[in-house]
Every structure is written in C-alpha cells, then in structure tokens.
C-alpha cells in the first residue's frame, strides 16, 4: 500500500530535522515545477511489510493564504496532489502562532496529525500543554515529539499511517461563529459539482475571504451573494 505523507509547519519549527530523521539518505532534492523553491521528498527509513511510505517536506509557511511562492507551492500540493495525510509540526513554544496554520490545514480536507514539537522545553519552564483537550478541540490526533532528540517520531508516523488508512476527515465542531458557519454552509451548497466533497469547505472559506486564487470561480460567489439572506 502506497501512503503519501505531507510534512507541514512554520519556518524554523524543526520540520527539516524531522524530515531528515525520518528519511535518512533516502531523499530526492529538486525544485517545484516552474519555481526556484526547493522540493524535498524521501522514503521512510526501514522496511514496512506491504507499505511504501513517501514523505514530502513542504516549504515552511505561516498560512495557506498565497502571498509568497512557498505558500502557493504548499497550497497547490495539498489541494491538487492529494496527499493521504498531513503531519503538521507545531512549535509548542510558539503554539498560538503555529495553530493558525493548523486550522487552515484541517480545512483542506486532508487528514491531519499534529506533531507537538519541543513540548519538553516548555515543561522545563513549568508549563504543560493539555494535549488531550487540545486534540479534542481540534478533532485530530496529537503526538508530542522532539525532532532534535528523535523522540516521538516513530509514534507520530504510526499515527499518520493509521489516520491515512482510515481516510476520513473530522473537522472541529466549531471553528467560527454560528453566523460564519451558516454562511460557509450556504456557499458550499452553490459550489460547482466539480469540487469534491472533501474540498468544498475549504473553497467556501476562501470565497468568503475573497481569495484571489479562486478568482476563476467568482461567478459562483456572486450568485451566492445575490441569493443569501441573513
């Protein structure tokens, strides 16, 4: 069984360290098509019976709003290449900033597993993150890791493989206010059938944000604006 894992996260969160630890020398380094942004892919180290695990190290980004080449590349990969699961590396020492990207990744319709990295550094300061509650709120698995020390890496990969095989996405119960969630539901209802069910929420959110990269579908957005009533 072939499983494709996307490794995502903010710049300087330990993502490349984790990628190198997981793939070792089994890497291919090139550029993404048409741009000079570096592309890194690798095979998971070690033999797994009946499983072929490919890991793609996405560029470090702060969001999926496409203001930089790195953000465009990452977003296009997640939407068009359909990885089986995302491992989202979250820097526990800067968790609020990192979780902004996390919520956007969850909305792509690709299953997400969070690798909560450097949580051990917080514990040295006497700070403990309630991982169980955070997992419940985001509705996705969380594994504490230390990419630098190699801790939790096997566990997060095993969780990612399990989630990929399950092949379902569980969105958080409430991300936005009730009014915004109602608007998202309305937009989803008028999106063209060419947009798959797992991507409809993401496109609806981007329509409401007036995202320039979905401009080709703005006629649908205008139709919704005329029909929607508060």
C-alpha atoms as a PDB file:
ATOM      1  CA  UNK A   1       0.000   0.000   0.000  1.00  0.00           C
ATOM      2  CA  UNK A   2       1.392   3.392  -1.016  1.00  0.00           C
ATOM      3  CA  UNK A   3       0.932   6.201   1.519  1.00  0.00           C
ATOM      4  CA  UNK A   4       1.937   9.794   0.815  1.00  0.00           C
ATOM      5  CA  UNK A   5       2.626  11.979   3.844  1.00  0.00           C
ATOM      6  CA  UNK A   6       2.962  15.770   3.613  1.00  0.00           C
ATOM      7  CA  UNK A   7       5.143  17.353   6.297  1.00  0.00           C
ATOM      8  CA  UNK A   8       3.982  20.915   7.010  1.00  0.00           C
ATOM      9  CA  UNK A   9       4.763  23.648   9.513  1.00  0.00           C
ATOM     10  CA  UNK A  10       6.036  27.156  10.163  1.00  0.00           C
ATOM     11  CA  UNK A  11       9.633  28.085   9.309  1.00  0.00           C
ATOM     12  CA  UNK A  12      12.181  27.072  11.960  1.00  0.00           C
ATOM     13  CA  UNK A  13       9.832  24.688  13.778  1.00  0.00           C
ATOM     14  CA  UNK A  14      12.108  21.641  13.417  1.00  0.00           C
ATOM     15  CA  UNK A  15      10.444  20.301  10.277  1.00  0.00           C
ATOM     16  CA  UNK A  16      13.614  19.703   8.267  1.00  0.00           C
ATOM     17  CA  UNK A  17      15.231  17.999  11.260  1.00  0.00           C
ATOM     18  CA  UNK A  18      12.247  15.661  11.478  1.00  0.00           C
ATOM     19  CA  UNK A  19      12.273  15.015   7.721  1.00  0.00           C
ATOM     20  CA  UNK A  20      15.962  14.084   7.796  1.00  0.00           C
ATOM     21  CA  UNK A  21      15.435  11.804  10.793  1.00  0.00           C
ATOM     22  CA  UNK A  22      12.524  10.004   9.121  1.00  0.00           C
ATOM     23  CA  UNK A  23      14.085   9.572   5.681  1.00  0.00           C
ATOM     24  CA  UNK A  24      17.844   9.499   6.255  1.00  0.00           C
ATOM     25  CA  UNK A  25      19.672   9.209   2.938  1.00  0.00           C
ATOM     26  CA  UNK A  26      16.520   8.138   1.093  1.00  0.00           C
ATOM     27  CA  UNK A  27      15.881  11.656  -0.212  1.00  0.00           C
ATOM     28  CA  UNK A  28      15.396  13.429  -3.508  1.00  0.00           C
ATOM     29  CA  UNK A  29      16.059  17.169  -3.602  1.00  0.00           C
ATOM     30  CA  UNK A  30      14.978  19.304  -6.555  1.00  0.00           C
ATOM     31  CA  UNK A  31      12.733  22.262  -7.305  1.00  0.00           C
ATOM     32  CA  UNK A  32       8.964  22.540  -7.513  1.00  0.00           C
ATOM     33  CA  UNK A  33       7.823  22.824 -11.157  1.00  0.00           C
ATOM     34  CA  UNK A  34       8.180  26.321 -12.572  1.00  0.00           C
ATOM     35  CA  UNK A  35       9.692  27.913  -9.455  1.00  0.00           C
ATOM     36  CA  UNK A  36      13.006  28.006  -7.621  1.00  0.00           C
ATOM     37  CA  UNK A  37      11.522  26.797  -4.331  1.00  0.00           C
ATOM     38  CA  UNK A  38      13.315  23.663  -3.148  1.00  0.00           C
ATOM     39  CA  UNK A  39      11.359  20.406  -3.178  1.00  0.00           C
ATOM     40  CA  UNK A  40      12.360  17.536  -0.901  1.00  0.00           C
ATOM     41  CA  UNK A  41      10.877  14.053  -0.984  1.00  0.00           C
ATOM     42  CA  UNK A  42      12.005  10.903   0.719  1.00  0.00           C
ATOM     43  CA  UNK A  43      11.110   7.345   1.622  1.00  0.00           C
ATOM     44  CA  UNK A  44      10.510   6.426   5.240  1.00  0.00           C
ATOM     45  CA  UNK A  45      13.512   4.623   6.686  1.00  0.00           C
ATOM     46  CA  UNK A  46      13.156   0.945   7.458  1.00  0.00           C
ATOM     47  CA  UNK A  47      11.180  -1.789   5.780  1.00  0.00           C
ATOM     48  CA  UNK A  48       7.438  -1.997   6.316  1.00  0.00           C
ATOM     49  CA  UNK A  49       5.622  -5.061   5.050  1.00  0.00           C
ATOM     50  CA  UNK A  50       3.227  -4.119   2.260  1.00  0.00           C
ATOM     51  CA  UNK A  51       3.660  -0.368   2.789  1.00  0.00           C
ATOM     52  CA  UNK A  52       5.520   2.186   0.668  1.00  0.00           C
ATOM     53  CA  UNK A  53       5.705   5.469   2.607  1.00  0.00           C
ATOM     54  CA  UNK A  54       6.696   8.676   0.788  1.00  0.00           C
ATOM     55  CA  UNK A  55       7.219  11.895   2.753  1.00  0.00           C
ATOM     56  CA  UNK A  56       7.148  15.324   1.098  1.00  0.00           C
ATOM     57  CA  UNK A  57       8.735  18.153   3.080  1.00  0.00           C
ATOM     58  CA  UNK A  58       6.668  21.224   2.208  1.00  0.00           C
ATOM     59  CA  UNK A  59       8.236  24.702   2.416  1.00  0.00           C
ATOM     60  CA  UNK A  60       7.993  26.367   5.815  1.00  0.00           C
ATOM     61  CA  UNK A  61       4.960  28.685   5.765  1.00  0.00           C
ATOM     62  CA  UNK A  62       2.811  30.695   8.162  1.00  0.00           C
ATOM     63  CA  UNK A  63      -0.506  30.291   6.345  1.00  0.00           C
ATOM     64  CA  UNK A  64      -2.197  28.937   3.211  1.00  0.00           C
ATOM     65  CA  UNK A  65      -3.081  32.435   2.018  1.00  0.00           C
ATOM     66  CA  UNK A  66      -0.865  32.630  -1.055  1.00  0.00           C
ATOM     67  CA  UNK A  67       1.288  35.716  -0.576  1.00  0.00           C
ATOM     68  CA  UNK A  68       4.643  34.004  -1.123  1.00  0.00           C
ATOM     69  CA  UNK A  69       5.910  31.388  -3.562  1.00  0.00           C
ATOM     70  CA  UNK A  70       6.334  28.965  -0.674  1.00  0.00           C
ATOM     71  CA  UNK A  71       2.682  29.370   0.322  1.00  0.00           C
ATOM     72  CA  UNK A  72       1.496  28.921  -3.266  1.00  0.00           C
ATOM     73  CA  UNK A  73       3.587  25.763  -3.679  1.00  0.00           C
ATOM     74  CA  UNK A  74       2.368  24.253  -0.411  1.00  0.00           C
ATOM     75  CA  UNK A  75      -1.254  25.085  -1.069  1.00  0.00           C
ATOM     76  CA  UNK A  76      -1.211  23.744  -4.618  1.00  0.00           C
ATOM     77  CA  UNK A  77       0.360  20.497  -3.433  1.00  0.00           C
ATOM     78  CA  UNK A  78      -2.239  19.939  -0.709  1.00  0.00           C
ATOM     79  CA  UNK A  79      -5.171  20.727  -2.996  1.00  0.00           C
ATOM     80  CA  UNK A  80      -4.005  19.107  -6.222  1.00  0.00           C
ATOM     81  CA  UNK A  81      -1.654  16.260  -5.294  1.00  0.00           C
ATOM     82  CA  UNK A  82      -3.998  14.788  -2.663  1.00  0.00           C
ATOM     83  CA  UNK A  83      -1.588  13.501  -0.006  1.00  0.00           C
ATOM     84  CA  UNK A  84      -3.094  10.848   2.251  1.00  0.00           C
ATOM     85  CA  UNK A  85      -2.280  12.664   5.482  1.00  0.00           C
ATOM     86  CA  UNK A  86      -0.526  15.781   6.775  1.00  0.00           C
ATOM     87  CA  UNK A  87       1.887  15.734   9.696  1.00  0.00           C
ATOM     88  CA  UNK A  88       1.670  19.299  10.986  1.00  0.00           C
ATOM     89  CA  UNK A  89       4.747  20.145  13.033  1.00  0.00           C
ATOM     90  CA  UNK A  90       3.715  22.654  15.710  1.00  0.00           C
ATOM     91  CA  UNK A  91       6.304  24.506  17.793  1.00  0.00           C
ATOM     92  CA  UNK A  92       4.972  24.154  21.348  1.00  0.00           C
ATOM     93  CA  UNK A  93       6.978  27.205  22.454  1.00  0.00           C
ATOM     94  CA  UNK A  94       5.059  29.388  19.978  1.00  0.00           C
ATOM     95  CA  UNK A  95       1.815  27.449  19.838  1.00  0.00           C
ATOM     96  CA  UNK A  96      -0.661  30.275  19.227  1.00  0.00           C
ATOM     97  CA  UNK A  97       1.089  31.434  16.074  1.00  0.00           C
ATOM     98  CA  UNK A  98       1.569  27.873  14.817  1.00  0.00           C
ATOM     99  CA  UNK A  99      -2.054  26.835  15.307  1.00  0.00           C
ATOM    100  CA  UNK A 100      -3.183  29.483  12.808  1.00  0.00           C
ATOM    101  CA  UNK A 101      -1.704  27.310  10.057  1.00  0.00           C
ATOM    102  CA  UNK A 102      -3.093  24.183  11.724  1.00  0.00           C
ATOM    103  CA  UNK A 103      -6.705  25.349  11.407  1.00  0.00           C
ATOM    104  CA  UNK A 104      -6.137  26.107   7.715  1.00  0.00           C
ATOM    105  CA  UNK A 105      -4.583  22.689   7.110  1.00  0.00           C
ATOM    106  CA  UNK A 106      -7.566  20.988   8.731  1.00  0.00           C
ATOM    107  CA  UNK A 107      -9.894  22.842   6.352  1.00  0.00           C
ATOM    108  CA  UNK A 108      -8.133  21.470   3.246  1.00  0.00           C
ATOM    109  CA  UNK A 109      -9.951  18.170   3.660  1.00  0.00           C
ATOM    110  CA  UNK A 110      -6.712  16.225   4.116  1.00  0.00           C
ATOM    111  CA  UNK A 111      -6.474  14.295   7.420  1.00  0.00           C
ATOM    112  CA  UNK A 112      -4.089  15.974   9.890  1.00  0.00           C
ATOM    113  CA  UNK A 113      -1.890  14.598  12.669  1.00  0.00           C
ATOM    114  CA  UNK A 114      -0.174  17.182  14.866  1.00  0.00           C
ATOM    115  CA  UNK A 115       3.412  16.655  15.976  1.00  0.00           C
ATOM    116  CA  UNK A 116       3.682  18.904  19.035  1.00  0.00           C
ATOM    117  CA  UNK A 117       7.383  19.638  18.907  1.00  0.00           C
ATOM    118  CA  UNK A 118       9.607  20.975  21.699  1.00  0.00           C
ATOM    119  CA  UNK A 119       6.960  20.436  24.390  1.00  0.00           C
ATOM    120  CA  UNK A 120       9.821  19.256  26.618  1.00  0.00           C
ATOM    121  CA  UNK A 121      11.273  22.784  26.573  1.00  0.00           C
ATOM    122  CA  UNK A 122       8.009  24.151  27.937  1.00  0.00           C
ATOM    123  CA  UNK A 123       7.966  21.572  30.713  1.00  0.00           C
ATOM    124  CA  UNK A 124      11.378  22.793  31.855  1.00  0.00           C
ATOM    125  CA  UNK A 125       9.721  26.189  32.372  1.00  0.00           C
ATOM    126  CA  UNK A 126       6.926  24.592  34.348  1.00  0.00           C
ATOM    127  CA  UNK A 127       4.379  24.887  31.513  1.00  0.00           C
ATOM    128  CA  UNK A 128       2.316  21.871  30.483  1.00  0.00           C
ATOM    129  CA  UNK A 129       0.011  21.824  27.445  1.00  0.00           C
ATOM    130  CA  UNK A 130      -3.214  19.878  27.898  1.00  0.00           C
ATOM    131  CA  UNK A 131      -2.670  17.681  24.840  1.00  0.00           C
ATOM    132  CA  UNK A 132      -5.815  15.632  25.370  1.00  0.00           C
ATOM    133  CA  UNK A 133      -8.057  18.713  25.465  1.00  0.00           C
ATOM    134  CA  UNK A 134      -6.303  20.342  22.503  1.00  0.00           C
ATOM    135  CA  UNK A 135      -6.758  17.150  20.495  1.00  0.00           C
ATOM    136  CA  UNK A 136     -10.450  17.116  21.385  1.00  0.00           C
ATOM    137  CA  UNK A 137     -10.925  20.770  20.369  1.00  0.00           C
ATOM    138  CA  UNK A 138      -9.137  20.349  17.028  1.00  0.00           C
ATOM    139  CA  UNK A 139     -10.589  16.868  16.495  1.00  0.00           C
ATOM    140  CA  UNK A 140      -7.296  15.395  15.330  1.00  0.00           C
ATOM    141  CA  UNK A 141      -4.567  13.262  16.938  1.00  0.00           C
ATOM    142  CA  UNK A 142      -1.617  14.954  18.667  1.00  0.00           C
ATOM    143  CA  UNK A 143       1.727  13.306  19.401  1.00  0.00           C
ATOM    144  CA  UNK A 144       4.388  15.034  21.495  1.00  0.00           C
ATOM    145  CA  UNK A 145       7.754  14.986  19.743  1.00  0.00           C
ATOM    146  CA  UNK A 146      11.289  16.275  19.917  1.00  0.00           C
ATOM    147  CA  UNK A 147      12.683  16.279  16.397  1.00  0.00           C
ATOM    148  CA  UNK A 148      16.139  17.236  17.666  1.00  0.00           C
ATOM    149  CA  UNK A 149      16.279  14.334  20.139  1.00  0.00           C
ATOM    150  CA  UNK A 150      14.408  11.905  17.905  1.00  0.00           C
ATOM    151  CA  UNK A 151      11.637  11.397  20.457  1.00  0.00           C
ATOM    152  CA  UNK A 152       8.097  10.581  19.376  1.00  0.00           C
ATOM    153  CA  UNK A 153       8.968  10.268  15.681  1.00  0.00           C
ATOM    154  CA  UNK A 154       8.008   6.609  15.337  1.00  0.00           C
ATOM    155  CA  UNK A 155       4.779   7.307  17.211  1.00  0.00           C
ATOM    156  CA  UNK A 156       3.744  10.244  15.030  1.00  0.00           C
ATOM    157  CA  UNK A 157       4.437   8.278  11.833  1.00  0.00           C
ATOM    158  CA  UNK A 158       2.410   5.313  13.117  1.00  0.00           C
ATOM    159  CA  UNK A 159      -0.464   7.664  13.945  1.00  0.00           C
ATOM    160  CA  UNK A 160      -0.226   9.270  10.493  1.00  0.00           C
ATOM    161  CA  UNK A 161      -0.339   5.864   8.785  1.00  0.00           C
ATOM    162  CA  UNK A 162      -3.350   4.849  10.874  1.00  0.00           C
ATOM    163  CA  UNK A 163      -5.175   8.081  10.003  1.00  0.00           C
ATOM    164  CA  UNK A 164      -4.291   7.727   6.303  1.00  0.00           C
ATOM    165  CA  UNK A 165      -5.754   4.225   6.219  1.00  0.00           C
ATOM    166  CA  UNK A 166      -8.905   5.436   7.953  1.00  0.00           C
ATOM    167  CA  UNK A 167      -9.300   8.007   5.146  1.00  0.00           C
ATOM    168  CA  UNK A 168     -11.788  10.291   6.893  1.00  0.00           C
ATOM    169  CA  UNK A 169     -11.576  13.918   7.997  1.00  0.00           C
ATOM    170  CA  UNK A 170     -13.085  15.034  11.287  1.00  0.00           C
ATOM    171  CA  UNK A 171     -13.421  18.810  11.409  1.00  0.00           C
ATOM    172  CA  UNK A 172     -13.526  20.625  14.747  1.00  0.00           C
ATOM    173  CA  UNK A 173     -17.115  21.005  15.897  1.00  0.00           C
ATOM    174  CA  UNK A 174     -16.920  24.815  15.970  1.00  0.00           C
ATOM    175  CA  UNK A 175     -14.222  26.847  14.263  1.00  0.00           C
ATOM    176  CA  UNK A 176     -16.099  30.073  13.584  1.00  0.00           C
ATOM    177  CA  UNK A 177     -19.161  31.805  14.996  1.00  0.00           C
ATOM    178  CA  UNK A 178     -22.613  30.437  14.156  1.00  0.00           C
ATOM    179  CA  UNK A 179     -23.237  33.196  11.581  1.00  0.00           C
ATOM    180  CA  UNK A 180     -19.972  32.480   9.773  1.00  0.00           C
ATOM    181  CA  UNK A 181     -20.555  28.723   9.852  1.00  0.00           C
ATOM    182  CA  UNK A 182     -24.033  29.315   8.381  1.00  0.00           C
ATOM    183  CA  UNK A 183     -22.505  31.411   5.589  1.00  0.00           C
ATOM    184  CA  UNK A 184     -19.943  28.690   4.865  1.00  0.00           C
ATOM    185  CA  UNK A 185     -22.735  26.123   4.603  1.00  0.00           C
ATOM    186  CA  UNK A 186     -24.634  28.362   2.149  1.00  0.00           C
ATOM    187  CA  UNK A 187     -21.579  28.802  -0.073  1.00  0.00           C
ATOM    188  CA  UNK A 188     -20.873  25.052  -0.054  1.00  0.00           C
ATOM    189  CA  UNK A 189     -24.383  24.442  -1.376  1.00  0.00           C
ATOM    190  CA  UNK A 190     -23.840  26.529  -4.529  1.00  0.00           C
ATOM    191  CA  UNK A 191     -20.313  25.414  -5.376  1.00  0.00           C
ATOM    192  CA  UNK A 192     -19.989  23.523  -8.678  1.00  0.00           C
ATOM    193  CA  UNK A 193     -20.132  19.741  -8.532  1.00  0.00           C
ATOM    194  CA  UNK A 194     -16.597  19.591  -9.940  1.00  0.00           C
ATOM    195  CA  UNK A 195     -15.303  20.460  -6.453  1.00  0.00           C
ATOM    196  CA  UNK A 196     -15.033  17.273  -4.408  1.00  0.00           C
ATOM    197  CA  UNK A 197     -16.871  16.982  -1.101  1.00  0.00           C
ATOM    198  CA  UNK A 198     -13.691  16.969   0.974  1.00  0.00           C
ATOM    199  CA  UNK A 199     -12.546  20.298  -0.562  1.00  0.00           C
ATOM    200  CA  UNK A 200     -15.875  22.154  -0.535  1.00  0.00           C
ATOM    201  CA  UNK A 201     -15.486  23.673   2.909  1.00  0.00           C
ATOM    202  CA  UNK A 202     -12.018  24.964   2.068  1.00  0.00           C
ATOM    203  CA  UNK A 203     -13.255  26.630  -1.124  1.00  0.00           C
ATOM    204  CA  UNK A 204     -16.252  28.108   0.721  1.00  0.00           C
ATOM    205  CA  UNK A 205     -13.979  29.698   3.317  1.00  0.00           C
ATOM    206  CA  UNK A 206     -11.727  31.098   0.592  1.00  0.00           C
ATOM    207  CA  UNK A 207     -14.710  32.562  -1.260  1.00  0.00           C
ATOM    208  CA  UNK A 208     -15.713  34.387   1.904  1.00  0.00           C
ATOM    209  CA  UNK A 209     -12.139  35.638   2.280  1.00  0.00           C
ATOM    210  CA  UNK A 210     -12.254  36.887  -1.343  1.00  0.00           C
ATOM    211  CA  UNK A 211      -9.152  34.830  -2.049  1.00  0.00           C
ATOM    212  CA  UNK A 212      -7.516  35.864  -5.328  1.00  0.00           C
ATOM    213  CA  UNK A 213      -6.503  32.290  -6.192  1.00  0.00           C
ATOM    214  CA  UNK A 214     -10.109  31.173  -6.548  1.00  0.00           C
ATOM    215  CA  UNK A 215     -10.978  34.143  -8.753  1.00  0.00           C
ATOM    216  CA  UNK A 216     -11.930  31.897 -11.667  1.00  0.00           C
ATOM    217  CA  UNK A 217     -14.937  30.733  -9.667  1.00  0.00           C
ATOM    218  CA  UNK A 218     -16.172  34.202  -8.665  1.00  0.00           C
ATOM    219  CA  UNK A 219     -19.298  33.943 -10.817  1.00  0.00           C
ATOM    220  CA  UNK A 220     -20.441  31.264  -8.372  1.00  0.00           C
ATOM    221  CA  UNK A 221     -19.583  33.567  -5.485  1.00  0.00           C
ATOM    222  CA  UNK A 222     -21.629  36.426  -6.960  1.00  0.00           C
ATOM    223  CA  UNK A 223     -24.576  34.069  -7.449  1.00  0.00           C
ATOM    224  CA  UNK A 224     -24.408  33.132  -3.787  1.00  0.00           C
ATOM    225  CA  UNK A 225     -24.137  36.777  -2.656  1.00  0.00           C
ATOM    226  CA  UNK A 226     -27.359  37.648  -4.512  1.00  0.00           C
ATOM    227  CA  UNK A 227     -29.289  34.715  -3.078  1.00  0.00           C
ATOM    228  CA  UNK A 228     -28.024  34.791   0.502  1.00  0.00           C
ATOM    229  CA  UNK A 229     -30.195  36.478   3.116  1.00  0.00           C
ATOM    230  CA  UNK A 230     -29.326  36.951   6.750  1.00  0.00           C
END
